[in-house]
Amino acid sequence: MMKITLPIPGRRALAALCGLLLAATALAQNPIQPLEFASETQRQRYHALIDELRCTVCQNQALASSDAPLAADLREAVYRQIREGRADSEIRQFMRDRYGDFVLYNPPLAAHTLLLWAGPPLLLIIGGILAALIVRAQRRRLAESTGTPPADDPHS
């Protein structure tokens, strides 16, 4: 009995064809459209704002670097408002009204953000005081164990 085999493309060729089809499908579904600005100033404002605004889904990622769908929508909103001629402060206020102060990397100083602004300096001061107290207590213990008065003792 004689076997007849039909020529079929090699596995590598088939894999390459599948890869090309997948890439073409992905590009067709998510085309990259360059943004058009009326001036270089508008382009700079856009990039400054999307670097300054935080993606509310990604937590600590700017809109510029986030791949989240919401970030894409927010970038589009910023672009649209710049094209409409709105000022940066109006765009920031729009984002704050919609998403709260969290959308700003530098939230305003207000009663509800006071702990956010005052927390780090307070923790630094408290840490310094605790470190000084610990060092002082250890010096006293060392002085008591050796029988010499501590260097900061006023009665020596």
Protein backbone atom coordinates (compact mmCIF):
# COMPACT_ATOMS: atom_id res chain seq x y z
CA MET A 1 0.00 0.00 0.00
CA MET A 2 1.22 3.45 -0.87
CA LYS A 3 0.79 6.50 1.38
CA ILE A 4 -0.01 9.79 -0.23
CA THR A 5 0.90 12.90 1.72
CA LEU A 6 -0.23 16.36 0.87
CA PRO A 7 2.24 19.19 1.28
CA ILE A 8 1.23 21.45 4.21
CA PRO A 9 3.07 24.52 5.38
CA GLY A 10 5.64 24.03 8.11
CA ARG A 11 4.82 24.71 11.72
CA ARG A 12 6.91 27.87 11.75
CA ALA A 13 5.13 29.29 8.74
CA LEU A 14 1.75 28.45 10.27
CA ALA A 15 2.75 30.02 13.60
CA ALA A 16 3.97 33.15 11.83
CA LEU A 17 0.70 33.40 9.90
CA CYS A 18 -1.32 33.05 13.11
CA GLY A 19 0.83 35.71 14.80
CA LEU A 20 0.29 38.12 11.92
CA LEU A 21 -3.46 37.54 12.01
CA LEU A 22 -3.55 38.16 15.78
CA ALA A 23 -1.50 41.36 15.44
CA ALA A 24 -3.71 42.63 12.61
CA THR A 25 -6.83 41.91 14.69
CA ALA A 26 -5.40 43.72 17.71
CA LEU A 27 -4.44 46.76 15.65
CA ALA A 28 -7.84 46.87 14.00
CA GLN A 29 -9.59 46.84 17.37
CA ASN A 30 -7.34 49.40 19.05
CA PRO A 31 -6.05 51.83 16.46
CA ILE A 32 -3.59 54.45 17.67
CA GLN A 33 -4.74 57.87 16.64
CA PRO A 34 -2.28 60.72 17.07
CA LEU A 35 -3.67 63.74 18.86
CA GLU A 36 -3.77 66.93 16.89
CA PHE A 37 -3.27 70.23 18.67
CA ALA A 38 -3.68 73.77 17.40
CA SER A 39 -0.32 74.78 18.87
CA GLU A 40 2.75 73.44 20.63
CA THR A 41 1.55 75.22 23.80
CA GLN A 42 -1.61 73.10 23.81
CA ARG A 43 0.48 69.94 23.40
CA GLN A 44 2.70 70.95 26.33
CA ARG A 45 -0.32 71.77 28.51
CA TYR A 46 -1.88 68.41 27.68
CA HIS A 47 1.25 66.47 28.62
CA ALA A 48 1.74 68.52 31.80
CA LEU A 49 -1.84 67.86 32.89
CA ILE A 50 -1.83 64.13 32.21
CA ASP A 51 1.45 63.88 34.13
CA GLU A 52 -0.08 65.83 37.02
CA LEU A 53 -3.40 63.97 37.24
CA ARG A 54 -3.61 60.55 38.89
CA CYS A 55 -5.45 57.54 37.50
CA THR A 56 -8.13 56.74 40.06
CA VAL A 57 -8.07 53.05 39.12
CA CYS A 58 -4.30 52.54 39.22
CA GLN A 59 -3.86 54.46 42.51
CA ASN A 60 -0.34 55.86 42.19
CA GLN A 61 0.05 56.09 38.44
CA ALA A 62 -0.31 59.21 36.35
CA LEU A 63 -2.82 59.33 33.52
CA ALA A 64 0.09 59.53 31.10
CA SER A 65 1.44 56.11 32.04
CA SER A 66 -1.76 54.23 32.87
CA ASP A 67 -3.23 51.60 30.53
CA ALA A 68 -6.58 51.48 32.34
CA PRO A 69 -9.67 52.22 30.21
CA LEU A 70 -10.69 54.96 32.65
CA ALA A 71 -7.31 56.65 32.21
CA ALA A 72 -7.84 56.63 28.44
CA ASP A 73 -11.23 58.27 28.97
CA LEU A 74 -9.71 60.89 31.28
CA ARG A 75 -6.93 61.64 28.80
CA GLU A 76 -9.60 62.10 26.14
CA ALA A 77 -11.53 64.47 28.45
CA VAL A 78 -8.38 66.52 29.08
CA TYR A 79 -7.64 66.64 25.34
CA ARG A 80 -11.19 67.69 24.49
CA GLN A 81 -11.23 70.44 27.12
CA ILE A 82 -7.88 71.82 25.96
CA ARG A 83 -9.19 71.89 22.39
CA GLU A 84 -12.30 73.73 23.67
CA GLY A 85 -10.04 76.43 25.12
CA ARG A 86 -10.50 75.74 28.84
CA ALA A 87 -7.80 76.86 31.27
CA ASP A 88 -5.71 74.33 33.20
CA SER A 89 -7.40 75.38 36.45
CA GLU A 90 -10.83 74.68 34.92
CA ILE A 91 -9.71 71.23 33.77
CA ARG A 92 -8.29 70.43 37.23
CA GLN A 93 -11.53 71.63 38.84
CA PHE A 94 -13.57 69.46 36.44
CA MET A 95 -11.51 66.43 37.47
CA ARG A 96 -11.77 67.30 41.18
CA ASP A 97 -15.55 67.75 40.94
CA ARG A 98 -15.87 64.41 39.26
CA TYR A 99 -13.26 62.29 41.10
CA GLY A 100 -12.39 64.21 44.26
CA ASP A 101 -9.03 65.51 45.45
CA PHE A 102 -7.49 62.06 45.01
CA VAL A 103 -7.16 62.67 41.26
CA LEU A 104 -4.58 65.39 42.00
CA TYR A 105 -1.03 64.40 42.94
CA ASN A 106 -0.80 67.64 44.96
CA PRO A 107 -4.17 68.01 46.70
CA PRO A 108 -5.05 71.47 48.06
CA LEU A 109 -4.46 72.37 51.71
CA ALA A 110 -7.89 72.10 53.31
CA ALA A 111 -9.43 70.80 56.52
CA HIS A 112 -10.00 67.32 55.08
CA THR A 113 -6.43 67.10 53.70
CA LEU A 114 -4.68 68.62 56.72
CA LEU A 115 -3.50 65.25 58.06
CA LEU A 116 -2.12 64.41 54.63
CA TRP A 117 0.00 67.57 54.59
CA ALA A 118 0.88 67.71 58.30
CA GLY A 119 1.37 63.96 58.81
CA PRO A 120 4.91 63.55 57.45
CA PRO A 121 6.42 66.54 59.33
CA LEU A 122 4.64 65.46 62.54
CA LEU A 123 5.93 61.90 62.19
CA LEU A 124 9.44 63.23 61.60
CA ILE A 125 9.28 65.42 64.72
CA ILE A 126 7.84 62.60 66.85
CA GLY A 127 10.51 60.20 65.52
CA GLY A 128 13.26 62.72 66.38
CA ILE A 129 11.94 63.19 69.91
CA LEU A 130 11.67 59.41 70.44
CA ALA A 131 15.20 58.88 69.09
CA ALA A 132 16.55 61.58 71.46
CA LEU A 133 14.73 60.02 74.43
CA ILE A 134 16.04 56.54 73.60
CA VAL A 135 19.62 57.79 73.21
CA ARG A 136 19.35 59.70 76.49
CA ALA A 137 17.97 56.66 78.34
CA GLN A 138 20.75 54.45 76.98
CA ARG A 139 23.41 56.95 78.03
CA ARG A 140 21.97 56.98 81.55
CA ARG A 141 21.94 53.19 81.71
CA LEU A 142 25.51 53.05 80.46
CA ALA A 143 26.56 55.69 83.01
CA GLU A 144 24.82 53.82 85.82
CA SER A 145 26.50 50.55 84.86
CA THR A 146 29.97 52.12 84.71
CA GLY A 147 29.48 54.43 87.68
CA THR A 148 30.27 57.65 85.77
CA PRO A 149 27.79 60.50 85.54
CA PRO A 150 26.15 60.97 82.12
CA ALA A 151 27.54 63.76 79.92
CA ASP A 152 24.23 65.64 79.90
CA ASP A 153 23.75 65.41 83.70
CA PRO A 154 23.71 68.95 85.18
CA HIS A 155 24.60 67.61 88.68
CA SER A 156 28.08 66.31 87.76
